[in-house]
Protein backbone atom coordinates (compact mmCIF):
# COMPACT_ATOMS: atom_id res chain seq x y z
CA MET A 1 37.81 57.13 66.78
CA SER A 2 38.26 53.74 65.16
CA GLN A 3 37.09 53.15 61.62
CA MET A 4 34.84 50.32 60.42
CA HIS A 5 36.64 47.58 58.55
CA ASN A 6 35.74 44.29 56.92
CA PRO A 7 36.85 41.39 59.18
CA PHE A 8 36.52 38.95 56.27
CA ALA A 9 38.52 40.82 53.68
CA GLU A 10 40.26 37.63 52.57
CA GLU A 11 36.89 36.14 51.59
CA ARG A 12 35.98 38.85 49.10
CA CYS A 13 34.93 37.70 45.66
CA ARG A 14 37.82 38.54 43.35
CA THR A 15 36.08 37.58 40.11
CA VAL A 16 35.88 40.51 37.69
CA PHE A 17 33.15 40.65 35.07
CA GLU A 18 33.82 42.88 32.09
CA ILE A 19 32.08 43.59 28.80
CA GLY A 20 33.29 45.73 25.95
CA LYS A 21 31.97 49.19 25.18
CA GLY A 22 30.33 47.96 22.01
CA VAL A 23 28.32 45.28 23.80
CA ALA A 24 27.40 47.72 26.57
CA THR A 25 26.21 50.25 23.96
CA ILE A 26 24.05 47.62 22.27
CA PHE A 27 22.45 46.61 25.58
CA ILE A 28 21.78 50.24 26.54
CA ALA A 29 20.34 51.05 23.12
CA GLY A 30 18.10 47.99 23.19
CA PHE A 31 16.86 48.82 26.67
CA MET A 32 16.08 52.42 25.70
CA LEU A 33 14.20 51.27 22.60
CA MET A 34 12.11 48.94 24.74
CA LEU A 35 11.15 51.91 26.90
CA ILE A 36 10.60 54.46 24.14
CA LEU A 37 9.04 52.62 21.18
CA PRO A 38 5.79 51.43 22.84
CA ALA A 39 5.08 54.90 24.27
CA LEU A 40 6.05 56.62 21.01
CA GLY A 41 3.88 54.26 18.98
CA TRP A 42 0.90 54.88 21.27
CA HIS A 43 1.22 58.66 20.96
CA VAL A 44 1.52 58.44 17.16
CA TYR A 45 -1.62 56.27 17.08
CA LEU A 46 -3.63 58.74 19.21
CA ALA A 47 -2.45 61.64 17.05
CA SER A 48 -3.50 59.80 13.86
CA GLN A 49 -6.97 59.23 15.38
CA GLY A 50 -7.37 62.87 16.33
CA LYS A 51 -7.08 62.06 20.05
CA TRP A 52 -3.81 63.78 20.85
CA LYS A 53 -5.36 65.67 23.78
CA GLU A 54 -6.03 62.31 25.48
CA SER A 55 -2.36 61.28 25.38
CA PRO A 56 -0.15 61.31 28.50
CA ALA A 57 2.29 63.74 26.84
CA SER A 58 -0.49 66.22 26.06
CA ARG A 59 -1.81 65.97 29.62
CA LEU A 60 1.69 66.51 30.99
CA LEU A 61 2.34 69.61 28.85
CA SER A 62 -1.09 71.11 29.50
CA TRP A 63 -0.18 72.29 32.98
CA ARG A 64 0.17 76.01 33.54
CA PRO A 65 1.27 77.82 36.71
CA GLY A 66 -1.69 78.74 38.88
CA GLN A 67 -4.04 76.15 37.38
CA GLN A 68 -3.41 73.24 39.74
CA ASP A 69 -0.82 72.05 42.20
CA ILE A 70 1.99 70.45 40.17
CA VAL A 71 2.09 67.36 42.41
CA HIS A 72 -1.62 66.62 41.86
CA HIS A 73 -1.20 67.27 38.14
CA LEU A 74 1.64 64.74 37.91
CA ARG A 75 -0.45 62.18 39.76
CA GLU A 76 -3.26 62.60 37.24
CA VAL A 77 -0.78 62.18 34.37
CA GLU A 78 0.53 59.03 36.03
CA LYS A 79 -3.01 57.60 36.17
CA VAL A 80 -3.53 58.40 32.48
CA THR A 81 -0.24 56.70 31.64
CA ASP A 82 -1.19 53.59 33.60
CA LYS A 83 -4.41 53.32 31.57
CA ALA A 84 -2.75 53.94 28.19
CA GLY A 85 -3.14 51.12 25.70
CA TYR A 86 0.55 50.21 25.53
CA SER A 87 0.85 50.24 29.35
CA VAL A 88 -2.14 47.94 29.78
CA ALA A 89 -0.95 45.53 27.08
CA LEU A 90 2.60 45.27 28.46
CA ARG A 91 1.41 44.96 32.05
CA GLN A 92 -1.15 42.27 31.27
CA LYS A 93 1.29 40.26 29.15
CA ALA A 94 3.99 40.44 31.82
CA GLN A 95 1.55 39.46 34.58
CA SER A 96 0.26 36.49 32.56
CA MET A 97 3.82 35.23 32.09
CA LEU A 98 4.65 35.72 35.78
CA LEU A 99 1.53 33.86 36.80
CA GLU A 100 1.97 30.99 34.35
CA TYR A 101 5.70 30.37 34.68
CA ALA A 102 6.64 31.71 38.13
CA ASP A 103 3.41 31.60 40.18
CA GLU A 104 3.88 35.26 41.06
CA GLY A 105 1.23 37.91 41.69
CA ASN A 106 1.78 41.66 41.85
CA LEU A 107 2.01 44.45 44.43
CA LYS A 108 -1.69 44.06 45.30
CA THR A 109 -2.39 40.34 45.01
CA TYR A 110 -0.31 37.66 46.73
CA LEU A 111 -0.59 34.08 45.49
CA GLY A 112 -0.94 31.72 48.41
CA TRP A 113 -1.21 27.94 48.50
CA GLU A 114 -3.98 25.76 47.07
CA GLY A 115 -5.46 28.59 44.99
CA TRP A 116 -5.86 31.07 47.87
CA LEU A 117 -5.26 34.74 47.02
CA PHE A 118 -4.44 37.49 49.54
CA TYR A 119 -4.29 41.27 49.52
CA HIS A 120 -0.69 42.44 49.96
CA PRO A 121 -1.55 45.41 52.24
CA ASP A 122 -3.36 42.97 54.55
CA LEU A 123 -0.16 40.95 54.93
CA LYS A 124 1.83 44.09 55.66
CA ALA A 125 -0.75 45.17 58.25
CA LEU A 126 -0.09 42.02 60.29
CA THR A 127 3.66 42.65 60.39
CA GLY A 128 3.69 46.46 60.48
CA TYR A 129 3.86 48.92 63.37
CA GLY A 130 0.29 48.23 64.39
CA PRO A 131 -2.47 50.36 65.89
CA ILE A 132 -0.52 51.52 68.97
CA LYS A 133 2.96 52.49 67.81
CA PRO A 134 3.07 55.43 65.39
CA GLU A 135 4.87 54.60 62.17
CA PRO A 136 7.93 56.84 61.62
CA PHE A 137 7.73 59.26 58.75
CA SER A 138 9.68 58.43 55.60
CA VAL A 139 10.70 60.67 52.71
CA MET A 140 9.44 57.88 50.45
CA LYS A 141 5.85 58.52 51.55
CA ASP A 142 3.34 61.12 50.51
CA PRO A 143 3.85 64.17 52.79
CA GLU A 144 0.06 64.49 53.12
CA LEU A 145 -0.02 61.17 54.99
CA GLY A 146 1.97 62.75 57.81
CA ARG A 147 -1.05 64.94 58.61
CA VAL A 148 -3.52 62.06 58.87
CA PRO A 149 -4.52 61.36 62.53
CA GLU A 150 -3.87 57.93 64.01
CA THR A 151 -6.68 55.35 63.90
CA ARG A 152 -7.05 55.19 67.66
CA GLU A 153 -7.35 58.97 67.89
CA LEU A 154 -10.11 59.06 65.28
CA ILE A 155 -12.14 56.31 66.94
CA ILE A 156 -11.79 57.74 70.45
CA GLU A 157 -12.69 61.24 69.28
CA TYR A 158 -15.69 59.96 67.32
CA ALA A 159 -16.90 57.91 70.29
CA ALA A 160 -16.66 61.01 72.50
CA GLN A 161 -18.72 63.03 70.02
CA LEU A 162 -21.38 60.32 69.98
CA LYS A 163 -21.40 60.09 73.77
CA GLU A 164 -22.20 63.81 73.98
CA ARG A 165 -25.33 63.08 71.96
CA GLY A 166 -26.37 60.09 74.07
CA ILE A 167 -25.15 57.50 71.57
CA ASP A 168 -22.99 54.45 72.28
CA LEU A 169 -20.47 53.17 69.74
CA LEU A 170 -20.12 49.44 69.18
CA LEU A 171 -16.96 48.68 67.19
CA VAL A 172 -16.92 45.31 65.41
CA PRO A 173 -13.40 44.51 64.13
CA VAL A 174 -13.56 42.04 61.26
CA PRO A 175 -10.40 39.92 60.87
CA LEU A 176 -8.38 40.10 57.72
CA LYS A 177 -8.23 37.07 55.48
CA PRO A 178 -4.60 36.09 56.31
CA MET A 179 -5.47 36.17 60.01
CA ILE A 180 -7.83 33.23 59.49
CA TYR A 181 -5.94 31.43 56.70
CA ASN A 182 -2.36 32.04 57.77
CA GLU A 183 -1.23 28.53 56.79
CA GLN A 184 -2.24 29.32 53.20
CA VAL A 185 0.32 32.16 53.31
CA ALA A 186 3.07 30.30 55.18
CA PRO A 187 2.64 26.48 55.01
CA GLN A 188 4.70 25.95 58.15
CA SER A 189 2.10 27.85 60.19
CA THR A 190 -0.50 26.01 62.22
CA PRO A 191 -4.11 26.34 60.98
CA SER A 192 -5.09 28.70 63.78
CA TRP A 193 -5.95 32.38 63.74
CA VAL A 194 -3.30 35.05 64.23
CA THR A 195 -3.47 38.76 64.92
CA HIS A 196 -1.18 41.72 65.39
CA PRO A 197 0.63 41.59 68.77
CA ASP A 198 -0.73 45.03 69.71
CA ALA A 199 -4.37 44.25 68.90
CA PRO A 200 -5.39 43.26 72.51
CA ALA A 201 -3.81 46.41 73.91
CA PHE A 202 -5.55 48.46 71.24
CA TYR A 203 -8.97 47.06 72.09
CA SER A 204 -8.27 47.58 75.80
CA LEU A 205 -7.39 51.22 75.13
CA LEU A 206 -10.63 51.73 73.22
CA ARG A 207 -12.72 50.15 75.97
CA LYS A 208 -11.11 52.41 78.56
CA ASN A 209 -12.23 55.36 76.45
CA GLY A 210 -15.86 54.26 76.28
CA VAL A 211 -15.87 52.24 73.05
CA ASP A 212 -17.71 48.92 73.14
CA VAL A 213 -15.59 46.40 71.16
CA LEU A 214 -16.86 43.08 69.81
CA ASP A 215 -13.96 41.16 68.23
CA LEU A 216 -15.11 38.44 65.81
CA THR A 217 -11.71 36.96 64.98
CA GLN A 218 -12.02 33.85 67.14
CA ASP A 219 -15.64 33.26 66.12
CA LEU A 220 -14.83 33.36 62.42
CA SER A 221 -11.78 31.15 62.90
CA LYS A 222 -14.01 28.45 64.38
CA LEU A 223 -16.24 28.56 61.32
CA ARG A 224 -13.56 26.78 59.30
CA GLY A 225 -13.84 23.68 61.47
CA GLU A 226 -17.62 23.59 61.58
CA ARG A 227 -20.13 22.24 59.12
CA LYS A 228 -21.71 25.03 57.15
CA ARG A 229 -25.39 25.79 57.24
CA VAL A 230 -26.80 24.01 54.24
CA PHE A 231 -28.47 26.41 51.82
CA TYR A 232 -30.33 24.40 49.24
CA LEU A 233 -33.30 24.47 46.93
CA GLU A 234 -36.51 22.98 48.23
CA ALA A 235 -36.96 19.80 46.23
CA ASN A 236 -39.99 19.38 44.01
CA SER A 237 -40.90 17.32 40.99
CA GLN A 238 -39.00 19.62 38.63
CA ASN A 239 -35.70 20.21 40.45
CA ARG A 240 -35.30 17.22 42.74
CA GLU A 241 -31.93 16.13 41.30
CA ILE A 242 -30.50 19.65 41.18
CA ALA A 243 -31.61 20.32 44.77
CA LYS A 244 -29.94 17.13 45.98
CA GLU A 245 -26.67 17.97 44.23
CA SER A 246 -26.61 21.50 45.65
CA GLU A 247 -27.21 20.22 49.19
CA GLU A 248 -24.48 17.59 49.01
CA ALA A 249 -21.98 20.07 47.54
CA LEU A 250 -22.63 22.66 50.22
CA LYS A 251 -22.13 20.18 53.06
CA LEU A 252 -18.44 19.98 52.19
CA LYS A 253 -17.70 23.71 52.23
CA LYS A 254 -16.13 25.21 55.37
CA ASP A 255 -14.78 28.62 54.52
CA ALA A 256 -14.88 31.97 56.31
CA PHE A 257 -13.47 33.90 53.32
CA LEU A 258 -13.74 33.56 49.57
CA LYS A 259 -10.60 32.06 48.02
CA GLN A 260 -10.21 34.75 45.35
CA ASP A 261 -11.65 37.72 47.23
CA THR A 262 -10.83 39.95 50.19
CA HIS A 263 -14.36 39.54 51.57
CA TRP A 264 -16.07 36.98 53.76
CA THR A 265 -18.39 34.20 52.66
CA PRO A 266 -22.17 34.49 53.14
CA GLU A 267 -21.86 32.03 56.04
CA ALA A 268 -19.25 34.14 57.84
CA MET A 269 -21.29 37.26 57.21
CA ARG A 270 -24.38 35.60 58.68
CA LEU A 271 -22.42 34.41 61.72
CA ALA A 272 -21.11 37.95 62.26
CA ALA A 273 -24.65 39.32 62.00
CA GLU A 274 -25.83 36.80 64.61
CA LYS A 275 -23.02 37.73 67.03
CA VAL A 276 -23.68 41.46 66.62
CA ALA A 277 -27.44 40.98 66.99
CA ASP A 278 -27.03 38.94 70.18
CA HIS A 279 -24.70 41.58 71.62
CA ILE A 280 -27.13 44.42 70.84
CA LYS A 281 -30.11 42.54 72.26
CA ALA A 282 -28.24 41.84 75.49
CA LYS A 283 -26.67 45.27 76.00
CA TYR A 284 -28.97 47.70 74.21
CA PRO A 285 -32.52 46.28 74.47
CA GLN A 286 -34.02 49.79 74.65
CA ALA A 287 -33.18 50.28 70.96
CA LEU A 288 -35.14 47.24 69.80
CA PRO A 289 -38.93 47.61 69.66
CA TRP A 290 -40.47 44.56 68.01
CA LEU A 291 -41.39 44.88 64.34
CA PRO A 292 -43.01 42.47 61.88
CA HIS A 293 -40.77 39.80 60.40
CA HIS A 294 -39.08 40.79 57.13
CA PRO A 295 -40.10 38.60 54.19
CA CYS A 296 -37.39 36.51 52.56
CA GLY A 297 -36.98 36.39 48.83
CA GLY A 298 -35.58 32.85 48.75
CA TRP A 299 -32.20 31.39 47.92
CA ARG A 300 -30.17 32.22 44.84
CA ALA A 301 -26.85 30.93 43.50
CA SER A 302 -24.39 33.48 42.13
CA GLN A 303 -20.82 33.33 40.90
CA GLN A 304 -18.01 35.65 39.87
CA LEU A 305 -14.23 36.12 39.86
CA GLY A 306 -12.97 37.65 43.10
CA ASP A 307 -11.64 41.18 43.47
CA LEU A 308 -8.10 39.83 44.02
CA VAL A 309 -8.23 38.23 40.58
CA LYS A 310 -9.32 41.55 39.12
CA LEU A 311 -6.41 43.30 40.87
CA LEU A 312 -4.02 41.04 38.95
CA ASP A 313 -5.17 42.92 35.83
CA LEU A 314 -5.08 39.94 33.47
CA LYS A 315 -6.29 40.15 29.89
CA ASP A 316 -8.05 36.78 30.19
CA PRO A 317 -8.43 35.90 33.90
CA HIS A 318 -10.61 32.90 33.07
CA GLN A 319 -7.51 31.28 31.59
CA PHE A 320 -6.11 30.94 35.11
CA PHE A 321 -9.11 31.10 37.48
CA ASP A 322 -12.61 29.66 37.73
CA GLU A 323 -15.48 31.70 39.10
CA GLU A 324 -16.45 31.19 42.74
CA GLU A 325 -20.05 30.28 43.52
CA VAL A 326 -22.01 31.35 46.58
CA PHE A 327 -25.59 30.73 47.72
CA LEU A 328 -27.33 33.88 48.89
CA ASN A 329 -30.35 34.26 51.16
CA VAL A 330 -32.23 37.16 49.57
CA ILE A 331 -33.99 39.35 52.15
CA GLY A 332 -37.08 41.38 51.29
CA GLU A 333 -37.43 45.15 51.42
CA GLY A 334 -37.89 47.12 54.63
CA THR A 335 -34.44 46.53 56.13
CA GLN A 336 -33.25 50.15 55.78
CA ASN A 337 -34.72 53.37 57.13
CA SER A 338 -32.87 56.67 57.47
CA ARG A 339 -34.84 57.47 60.65
CA SER A 340 -33.81 54.30 62.47
CA PRO A 341 -32.10 54.78 65.88
CA LEU A 342 -29.59 52.08 64.84
CA VAL A 343 -26.91 53.27 62.43
CA LEU A 344 -24.58 50.84 60.69
CA LEU A 345 -21.26 52.28 59.46
CA GLY A 346 -18.92 50.26 57.31
CA ASP A 347 -17.27 49.61 53.98
CA SER A 348 -17.46 46.89 51.34
CA PHE A 349 -17.77 44.18 54.01
CA VAL A 350 -21.22 45.62 54.66
CA ASN A 351 -22.01 46.10 50.96
CA ILE A 352 -20.78 42.76 49.61
CA TYR A 353 -23.81 40.65 48.57
CA ASP A 354 -25.91 43.83 48.37
CA ASP A 355 -24.09 46.27 46.07
CA PRO A 356 -24.14 44.78 42.53
CA THR A 357 -20.99 46.72 41.56
CA LEU A 358 -19.03 44.40 43.92
CA GLY A 359 -20.20 41.34 41.98
CA PHE A 360 -22.62 38.48 42.65
CA GLU A 361 -25.41 40.53 41.08
CA ASN A 362 -28.67 39.06 39.85
CA PRO A 363 -28.17 38.42 36.09
CA ASP A 364 -31.84 39.22 35.48
CA LYS A 365 -31.58 42.55 37.35
CA PRO A 366 -27.87 43.48 37.34
CA ASP A 367 -28.42 47.10 38.43
CA GLU A 368 -30.69 46.45 41.39
CA PRO A 369 -29.51 45.81 44.99
CA ILE A 370 -28.97 42.14 45.76
CA ARG A 371 -30.44 42.41 49.32
CA SER A 372 -28.32 39.60 50.76
CA GLY A 373 -25.71 41.65 52.63
CA PHE A 374 -24.71 42.16 56.24
CA ALA A 375 -27.17 45.01 56.82
CA GLN A 376 -30.11 42.96 55.56
CA HIS A 377 -29.26 39.96 57.74
CA LEU A 378 -28.61 42.11 60.83
CA SER A 379 -31.91 43.91 60.31
CA LEU A 380 -33.69 40.58 59.98
CA LEU A 381 -32.15 39.27 63.20
CA LEU A 382 -32.90 42.48 65.13
CA GLN A 383 -36.39 42.73 63.66
CA ARG A 384 -36.04 46.40 62.91
CA PRO A 385 -34.66 48.48 59.99
CA LEU A 386 -31.22 50.11 60.10
CA ASP A 387 -29.84 53.38 58.84
CA VAL A 388 -26.88 52.21 56.72
CA ILE A 389 -23.87 54.35 55.77
CA ALA A 390 -21.40 52.10 53.95
CA LYS A 391 -18.87 53.32 51.38
CA ASN A 392 -16.76 50.90 49.36
CA GLY A 393 -13.05 51.43 49.95
CA GLN A 394 -13.64 54.26 52.40
CA ALA A 395 -13.48 52.56 55.78
CA PRO A 396 -11.32 54.14 58.50
CA PRO A 397 -7.60 53.21 58.50
CA ARG A 398 -7.04 49.63 59.55
CA CYS A 399 -4.21 47.66 61.01
CA ALA A 400 -4.87 43.90 60.83
CA VAL A 401 -8.61 44.60 61.04
CA ASN A 402 -11.39 46.40 59.19
CA TRP A 403 -13.66 48.82 61.06
CA PRO A 404 -17.37 48.36 60.34
CA ALA A 405 -19.14 49.73 63.40
CA VAL A 406 -22.65 49.85 64.81
CA PRO A 407 -23.47 52.95 66.86
CA THR A 408 -26.37 52.14 69.21
CA MET A 409 -28.20 54.65 71.33
CA LYS A 410 -29.48 54.92 74.88
CA SER A 411 -31.77 57.93 74.81
CA GLY A 412 -33.35 57.64 71.37
CA ARG A 413 -31.63 60.79 70.08
CA ARG A 414 -29.79 60.57 66.79
CA SER A 415 -26.43 61.93 65.80
CA SER A 416 -26.18 64.08 62.69
CA SER A 417 -22.40 63.77 62.49
CA SER A 418 -20.72 61.40 60.07
CA GLY A 419 -17.95 58.97 60.94
């Protein structure tokens, strides 16, 4: 058996870099002090304040056999360490310097062009194994992930369970932000939508197994080239100038996603609600008895920093970013009813513009629902209330798409199972 050899041995770099033991010792000592002193100082501070039990070291040493699995205990200690004062200060200072001098984000937020921010896992989803090919197991991953079923298996099994109860499942894949704004990630790309190569085959597989799929990627991509609906204040003697300025400003905006956020704009959300409503009316008319029109609460402007800015974990994010403003159409009450035959399942894409914890809340009533979200607009378009089950950050696994879904029914019987 022949052995591997270097065919370019003569081109090896023959430069030798050497430093003395003294210099090496100084570098090592300095590096160790940089690691130890901040943590040591933080623990001394907590002890002096009588808060030693809150320190990472105390949490680490508190474990006893039989109390809790050691792996879960270490994960909890890691979370405490990440939130320690010295960790937060060092991380925020380093991130501010990276952002100011190198235009670099972190493991969660990717800095695109022209102020556009993207979620790193979304970028990986577009170039990963996809929804068809199973990803090989790696020793670098959590062993518990190896026991998680594949996305396609979960959806097909859930659809079968619904079918047994006389319920149809309508799956509405929402494109990820980099799918619509790919040229803001890679400038050499054409301003057209992209998707994972296996996405068409994935949707075809779902349809063959009885899942109704309504893909909105192409529809939302067209929104960028169209003039937005103009949401403006009705002019009167007191606000005529302000109303005119708001109308003119809104005419220029053509975005499907917020620049600093992972979520869609109110216009894209409304367009998605219209597409879903049209599909339900055409295919499931038996689920749509006519109900009185929901009252509207009027238009309201709201602004905040996006969730991708918050993921950068900056001490003063306003030093680098301005708040984004949106105009929301506030829908009245009566859009949700737990006894409705139409059930909307989803995540934060459903809750954005409704859940005040996601931002854009009403400053006068910061703890109350905003009532401008996807569920409210879909209910308004369908003219009937919906049963809404939407958990932030708890959508099914996604690969280049999110999975908000609308189960619709044929026979009027409801399903008691959860997705």
